[in-house]
């Protein structure tokens, strides 16, 4: 085996997801992941701290995209419009990986420790959005509320998107979910009293 392996991280991620789907997260070892990818365990640990990181390694990039789009929203945009810009940016970024996202979510949903990690990731994202909105001049309480609402929209839209692999694209589902939230908040929709 050569010293440099092309796309080792991608190969390891693909092998891990295949094994998680076939055998389950707990039953899959790092050695099996490396073997399936045609690499060594040492190479695995050069790319991932542990086998959970295969599922969560993209979180910093997603946060960067989301926060970047919120920060770059036009100056007169209100907090929710800035968050909407972030939702659409992330929706566009994730769109191409629908089947992989669905598989990833099924692995996470079947394991309580991974569900907890997913919630921590979303809380971290909400905190980063709050800071970004505050930097835009939004009062902290309003920024926190807008960030949490944005995370709620993300979770609902993402769940709908992966549940229907032939349905609309994620940016559209994000837009529809955000519109539903605005209707509920305005009180002129189907919200039951």
C-alpha atoms as a PDB file:
ATOM      1  CA  UNK A   1       0.000   0.000   0.000  1.00  0.00           C
ATOM      2  CA  UNK A   2       1.399   3.404  -0.991  1.00  0.00           C
ATOM      3  CA  UNK A   3       2.100   6.235   1.413  1.00  0.00           C
ATOM      4  CA  UNK A   4      -0.544   8.466  -0.133  1.00  0.00           C
ATOM      5  CA  UNK A   5      -4.001   7.205  -0.940  1.00  0.00           C
ATOM      6  CA  UNK A   6      -6.232   9.373  -3.141  1.00  0.00           C
ATOM      7  CA  UNK A   7      -9.510  10.450  -1.529  1.00  0.00           C
ATOM      8  CA  UNK A   8      -8.819   8.417   1.610  1.00  0.00           C
ATOM      9  CA  UNK A   9     -11.288  10.463   3.680  1.00  0.00           C
ATOM     10  CA  UNK A  10     -14.067   9.958   1.142  1.00  0.00           C
ATOM     11  CA  UNK A  11     -13.354   6.253   0.849  1.00  0.00           C
ATOM     12  CA  UNK A  12     -13.353   5.845   4.623  1.00  0.00           C
ATOM     13  CA  UNK A  13     -16.617   7.758   4.946  1.00  0.00           C
ATOM     14  CA  UNK A  14     -18.282   5.682   2.235  1.00  0.00           C
ATOM     15  CA  UNK A  15     -17.058   2.417   3.761  1.00  0.00           C
ATOM     16  CA  UNK A  16     -18.225   3.456   7.228  1.00  0.00           C
ATOM     17  CA  UNK A  17     -21.701   4.402   6.040  1.00  0.00           C
ATOM     18  CA  UNK A  18     -22.051   1.130   4.139  1.00  0.00           C
ATOM     19  CA  UNK A  19     -21.040  -0.855   7.218  1.00  0.00           C
ATOM     20  CA  UNK A  20     -23.268   1.172   9.541  1.00  0.00           C
ATOM     21  CA  UNK A  21     -26.192   0.416   7.238  1.00  0.00           C
ATOM     22  CA  UNK A  22     -25.331  -3.276   6.936  1.00  0.00           C
ATOM     23  CA  UNK A  23     -24.241  -4.116  10.483  1.00  0.00           C
ATOM     24  CA  UNK A  24     -25.248  -1.192  12.678  1.00  0.00           C
ATOM     25  CA  UNK A  25     -23.105   1.495  14.255  1.00  0.00           C
ATOM     26  CA  UNK A  26     -22.199  -0.429  17.421  1.00  0.00           C
ATOM     27  CA  UNK A  27     -21.259  -3.597  15.538  1.00  0.00           C
ATOM     28  CA  UNK A  28     -18.899  -1.792  13.146  1.00  0.00           C
ATOM     29  CA  UNK A  29     -15.244  -1.418  14.088  1.00  0.00           C
ATOM     30  CA  UNK A  30     -12.632   1.024  12.830  1.00  0.00           C
ATOM     31  CA  UNK A  31     -10.599  -1.948  11.581  1.00  0.00           C
ATOM     32  CA  UNK A  32     -13.535  -3.081   9.426  1.00  0.00           C
ATOM     33  CA  UNK A  33     -14.046   0.416   8.051  1.00  0.00           C
ATOM     34  CA  UNK A  34     -10.376   0.727   7.120  1.00  0.00           C
ATOM     35  CA  UNK A  35     -10.316  -2.753   5.569  1.00  0.00           C
ATOM     36  CA  UNK A  36     -13.426  -2.052   3.473  1.00  0.00           C
ATOM     37  CA  UNK A  37     -11.852   1.196   2.239  1.00  0.00           C
ATOM     38  CA  UNK A  38      -8.603  -0.613   1.412  1.00  0.00           C
ATOM     39  CA  UNK A  39      -6.705   1.485   3.952  1.00  0.00           C
ATOM     40  CA  UNK A  40      -5.137   1.066   7.361  1.00  0.00           C
ATOM     41  CA  UNK A  41      -6.504   1.917  10.789  1.00  0.00           C
ATOM     42  CA  UNK A  42      -3.720   4.461  11.088  1.00  0.00           C
ATOM     43  CA  UNK A  43      -5.021   6.197   7.972  1.00  0.00           C
ATOM     44  CA  UNK A  44      -8.514   6.189   9.472  1.00  0.00           C
ATOM     45  CA  UNK A  45      -7.239   7.998  12.567  1.00  0.00           C
ATOM     46  CA  UNK A  46      -5.435  10.555  10.434  1.00  0.00           C
ATOM     47  CA  UNK A  47      -8.823  11.607   9.092  1.00  0.00           C
ATOM     48  CA  UNK A  48     -11.242  10.893  11.949  1.00  0.00           C
ATOM     49  CA  UNK A  49     -10.862  10.983  15.739  1.00  0.00           C
ATOM     50  CA  UNK A  50     -13.290   8.062  16.087  1.00  0.00           C
ATOM     51  CA  UNK A  51     -16.040   6.321  14.155  1.00  0.00           C
ATOM     52  CA  UNK A  52     -18.662   8.888  15.259  1.00  0.00           C
ATOM     53  CA  UNK A  53     -16.728  11.608  13.451  1.00  0.00           C
ATOM     54  CA  UNK A  54     -17.631   9.986  10.131  1.00  0.00           C
ATOM     55  CA  UNK A  55     -21.198  11.096  10.868  1.00  0.00           C
ATOM     56  CA  UNK A  56     -20.348  14.526  12.290  1.00  0.00           C
ATOM     57  CA  UNK A  57     -17.160  15.550  10.514  1.00  0.00           C
ATOM     58  CA  UNK A  58     -19.043  17.845   8.126  1.00  0.00           C
ATOM     59  CA  UNK A  59     -20.606  19.902  10.932  1.00  0.00           C
ATOM     60  CA  UNK A  60     -17.918  22.621  10.978  1.00  0.00           C
ATOM     61  CA  UNK A  61     -18.273  23.173   7.222  1.00  0.00           C
ATOM     62  CA  UNK A  62     -22.076  23.321   7.473  1.00  0.00           C
ATOM     63  CA  UNK A  63     -21.795  25.811  10.342  1.00  0.00           C
ATOM     64  CA  UNK A  64     -19.358  27.910   8.316  1.00  0.00           C
ATOM     65  CA  UNK A  65     -21.747  28.002   5.350  1.00  0.00           C
ATOM     66  CA  UNK A  66     -24.800  28.793   7.488  1.00  0.00           C
ATOM     67  CA  UNK A  67     -23.071  31.514   9.534  1.00  0.00           C
ATOM     68  CA  UNK A  68     -21.389  32.960   6.439  1.00  0.00           C
ATOM     69  CA  UNK A  69     -24.705  33.354   4.639  1.00  0.00           C
ATOM     70  CA  UNK A  70     -26.320  34.978   7.688  1.00  0.00           C
ATOM     71  CA  UNK A  71     -23.386  37.391   8.033  1.00  0.00           C
ATOM     72  CA  UNK A  72     -23.515  38.223   4.314  1.00  0.00           C
ATOM     73  CA  UNK A  73     -27.270  38.925   4.240  1.00  0.00           C
ATOM     74  CA  UNK A  74     -28.051  42.488   3.123  1.00  0.00           C
ATOM     75  CA  UNK A  75     -27.724  45.031   5.944  1.00  0.00           C
ATOM     76  CA  UNK A  76     -31.428  45.944   6.076  1.00  0.00           C
ATOM     77  CA  UNK A  77     -32.469  42.260   6.416  1.00  0.00           C
ATOM     78  CA  UNK A  78     -34.194  41.487   9.697  1.00  0.00           C
ATOM     79  CA  UNK A  79     -33.055  38.606  11.889  1.00  0.00           C
ATOM     80  CA  UNK A  80     -35.357  35.989  10.356  1.00  0.00           C
ATOM     81  CA  UNK A  81     -34.558  37.112   6.811  1.00  0.00           C
ATOM     82  CA  UNK A  82     -30.848  36.754   7.594  1.00  0.00           C
ATOM     83  CA  UNK A  83     -31.464  33.303   9.068  1.00  0.00           C
ATOM     84  CA  UNK A  84     -33.493  32.433   5.959  1.00  0.00           C
ATOM     85  CA  UNK A  85     -30.452  33.275   3.825  1.00  0.00           C
ATOM     86  CA  UNK A  86     -28.487  30.777   5.901  1.00  0.00           C
ATOM     87  CA  UNK A  87     -31.184  28.127   5.562  1.00  0.00           C
ATOM     88  CA  UNK A  88     -31.223  28.463   1.775  1.00  0.00           C
ATOM     89  CA  UNK A  89     -27.420  28.331   1.579  1.00  0.00           C
ATOM     90  CA  UNK A  90     -27.274  25.154   3.671  1.00  0.00           C
ATOM     91  CA  UNK A  91     -30.184  23.664   1.750  1.00  0.00           C
ATOM     92  CA  UNK A  92     -28.349  24.223  -1.517  1.00  0.00           C
ATOM     93  CA  UNK A  93     -25.144  22.758  -0.070  1.00  0.00           C
ATOM     94  CA  UNK A  94     -26.853  19.591   1.216  1.00  0.00           C
ATOM     95  CA  UNK A  95     -29.109  19.034  -1.790  1.00  0.00           C
ATOM     96  CA  UNK A  96     -26.724  16.819  -3.756  1.00  0.00           C
ATOM     97  CA  UNK A  97     -26.326  14.331  -0.911  1.00  0.00           C
ATOM     98  CA  UNK A  98     -29.953  13.412  -0.263  1.00  0.00           C
ATOM     99  CA  UNK A  99     -29.545   9.619  -0.147  1.00  0.00           C
ATOM    100  CA  UNK A 100     -26.391   9.880   1.977  1.00  0.00           C
ATOM    101  CA  UNK A 101     -28.165  12.319   4.317  1.00  0.00           C
ATOM    102  CA  UNK A 102     -31.072   9.928   4.657  1.00  0.00           C
ATOM    103  CA  UNK A 103     -28.740   7.031   5.473  1.00  0.00           C
ATOM    104  CA  UNK A 104     -26.788   9.177   7.944  1.00  0.00           C
ATOM    105  CA  UNK A 105     -29.993  10.200   9.687  1.00  0.00           C
ATOM    106  CA  UNK A 106     -31.215   6.595   9.946  1.00  0.00           C
ATOM    107  CA  UNK A 107     -27.918   5.617  11.619  1.00  0.00           C
ATOM    108  CA  UNK A 108     -28.194   8.534  14.053  1.00  0.00           C
ATOM    109  CA  UNK A 109     -31.873   7.864  14.786  1.00  0.00           C
ATOM    110  CA  UNK A 110     -31.129   4.284  15.806  1.00  0.00           C
ATOM    111  CA  UNK A 111     -28.507   5.187  18.404  1.00  0.00           C
ATOM    112  CA  UNK A 112     -29.227   7.366  21.502  1.00  0.00           C
ATOM    113  CA  UNK A 113     -25.602   8.486  21.905  1.00  0.00           C
ATOM    114  CA  UNK A 114     -25.563   9.696  18.299  1.00  0.00           C
ATOM    115  CA  UNK A 115     -28.907  11.462  18.754  1.00  0.00           C
ATOM    116  CA  UNK A 116     -27.414  13.311  21.698  1.00  0.00           C
ATOM    117  CA  UNK A 117     -24.383  14.272  19.610  1.00  0.00           C
ATOM    118  CA  UNK A 118     -26.688  15.578  16.867  1.00  0.00           C
ATOM    119  CA  UNK A 119     -28.506  17.760  19.403  1.00  0.00           C
ATOM    120  CA  UNK A 120     -25.176  19.131  20.662  1.00  0.00           C
ATOM    121  CA  UNK A 121     -24.210  19.933  17.058  1.00  0.00           C
ATOM    122  CA  UNK A 122     -27.479  21.812  16.515  1.00  0.00           C
ATOM    123  CA  UNK A 123     -27.074  23.692  19.821  1.00  0.00           C
ATOM    124  CA  UNK A 124     -23.595  24.743  18.743  1.00  0.00           C
ATOM    125  CA  UNK A 125     -24.971  25.912  15.413  1.00  0.00           C
ATOM    126  CA  UNK A 126     -27.691  27.909  17.171  1.00  0.00           C
ATOM    127  CA  UNK A 127     -25.085  29.586  19.401  1.00  0.00           C
ATOM    128  CA  UNK A 128     -22.978  30.489  16.349  1.00  0.00           C
ATOM    129  CA  UNK A 129     -26.038  31.946  14.604  1.00  0.00           C
ATOM    130  CA  UNK A 130     -26.912  33.948  17.718  1.00  0.00           C
ATOM    131  CA  UNK A 131     -23.397  35.425  17.842  1.00  0.00           C
ATOM    132  CA  UNK A 132     -23.543  36.276  14.140  1.00  0.00           C
ATOM    133  CA  UNK A 133     -26.911  37.999  14.483  1.00  0.00           C
ATOM    134  CA  UNK A 134     -25.600  39.960  17.485  1.00  0.00           C
ATOM    135  CA  UNK A 135     -22.648  41.075  15.356  1.00  0.00           C
ATOM    136  CA  UNK A 136     -25.241  42.376  12.871  1.00  0.00           C
ATOM    137  CA  UNK A 137     -26.661  44.561  15.654  1.00  0.00           C
ATOM    138  CA  UNK A 138     -29.589  42.354  16.681  1.00  0.00           C
ATOM    139  CA  UNK A 139     -30.286  42.408  20.444  1.00  0.00           C
ATOM    140  CA  UNK A 140     -29.177  39.138  22.066  1.00  0.00           C
ATOM    141  CA  UNK A 141     -32.653  37.928  23.080  1.00  0.00           C
ATOM    142  CA  UNK A 142     -33.996  38.536  19.557  1.00  0.00           C
ATOM    143  CA  UNK A 143     -30.901  36.946  18.034  1.00  0.00           C
ATOM    144  CA  UNK A 144     -31.283  33.842  20.202  1.00  0.00           C
ATOM    145  CA  UNK A 145     -34.963  33.509  19.352  1.00  0.00           C
ATOM    146  CA  UNK A 146     -34.328  33.895  15.606  1.00  0.00           C
ATOM    147  CA  UNK A 147     -31.444  31.386  15.731  1.00  0.00           C
ATOM    148  CA  UNK A 148     -33.514  28.795  17.606  1.00  0.00           C
ATOM    149  CA  UNK A 149     -36.434  29.308  15.202  1.00  0.00           C
ATOM    150  CA  UNK A 150     -34.031  28.820  12.299  1.00  0.00           C
ATOM    151  CA  UNK A 151     -32.759  25.554  13.799  1.00  0.00           C
ATOM    152  CA  UNK A 152     -36.356  24.386  14.260  1.00  0.00           C
ATOM    153  CA  UNK A 153     -37.093  25.156  10.608  1.00  0.00           C
ATOM    154  CA  UNK A 154     -33.918  23.351   9.585  1.00  0.00           C
ATOM    155  CA  UNK A 155     -34.857  20.223  11.589  1.00  0.00           C
ATOM    156  CA  UNK A 156     -38.424  20.085  10.271  1.00  0.00           C
ATOM    157  CA  UNK A 157     -37.449  20.770   6.662  1.00  0.00           C
ATOM    158  CA  UNK A 158     -34.536  18.322   6.745  1.00  0.00           C
ATOM    159  CA  UNK A 159     -36.789  15.594   8.162  1.00  0.00           C
ATOM    160  CA  UNK A 160     -39.384  16.171   5.448  1.00  0.00           C
ATOM    161  CA  UNK A 161     -36.730  16.233   2.742  1.00  0.00           C
ATOM    162  CA  UNK A 162     -35.093  12.921   3.648  1.00  0.00           C
ATOM    163  CA  UNK A 163     -38.470  11.246   4.212  1.00  0.00           C
ATOM    164  CA  UNK A 164     -39.400  11.796   0.559  1.00  0.00           C
ATOM    165  CA  UNK A 165     -36.401  11.043  -1.657  1.00  0.00           C
ATOM    166  CA  UNK A 166     -38.426  11.943  -4.766  1.00  0.00           C
ATOM    167  CA  UNK A 167     -39.895  15.126  -3.306  1.00  0.00           C
ATOM    168  CA  UNK A 168     -38.913  18.759  -3.758  1.00  0.00           C
ATOM    169  CA  UNK A 169     -35.358  19.987  -3.314  1.00  0.00           C
ATOM    170  CA  UNK A 170     -34.194  21.009   0.156  1.00  0.00           C
ATOM    171  CA  UNK A 171     -34.077  24.788  -0.473  1.00  0.00           C
ATOM    172  CA  UNK A 172     -37.742  24.641  -1.502  1.00  0.00           C
ATOM    173  CA  UNK A 173     -38.655  22.563   1.563  1.00  0.00           C
ATOM    174  CA  UNK A 174     -36.740  25.085   3.715  1.00  0.00           C
ATOM    175  CA  UNK A 175     -38.712  27.937   2.131  1.00  0.00           C
ATOM    176  CA  UNK A 176     -42.041  26.150   2.657  1.00  0.00           C
ATOM    177  CA  UNK A 177     -41.221  25.313   6.279  1.00  0.00           C
ATOM    178  CA  UNK A 178     -40.156  28.891   6.983  1.00  0.00           C
ATOM    179  CA  UNK A 179     -43.405  30.145   5.426  1.00  0.00           C
ATOM    180  CA  UNK A 180     -45.346  27.739   7.665  1.00  0.00           C
ATOM    181  CA  UNK A 181     -43.544  29.093  10.719  1.00  0.00           C
ATOM    182  CA  UNK A 182     -44.373  32.669   9.716  1.00  0.00           C
ATOM    183  CA  UNK A 183     -48.035  31.711   9.266  1.00  0.00           C
ATOM    184  CA  UNK A 184     -48.148  30.045  12.678  1.00  0.00           C
ATOM    185  CA  UNK A 185     -46.477  33.033  14.344  1.00  0.00           C
ATOM    186  CA  UNK A 186     -48.817  35.479  12.589  1.00  0.00           C
ATOM    187  CA  UNK A 187     -51.792  33.487  13.827  1.00  0.00           C
ATOM    188  CA  UNK A 188     -53.582  33.407  10.467  1.00  0.00           C
ATOM    189  CA  UNK A 189     -53.035  29.817   9.616  1.00  0.00           C
ATOM    190  CA  UNK A 190     -54.023  26.377  10.640  1.00  0.00           C
ATOM    191  CA  UNK A 191     -52.645  26.665  14.178  1.00  0.00           C
ATOM    192  CA  UNK A 192     -55.216  25.189  16.534  1.00  0.00           C
ATOM    193  CA  UNK A 193     -56.097  27.069  19.693  1.00  0.00           C
END
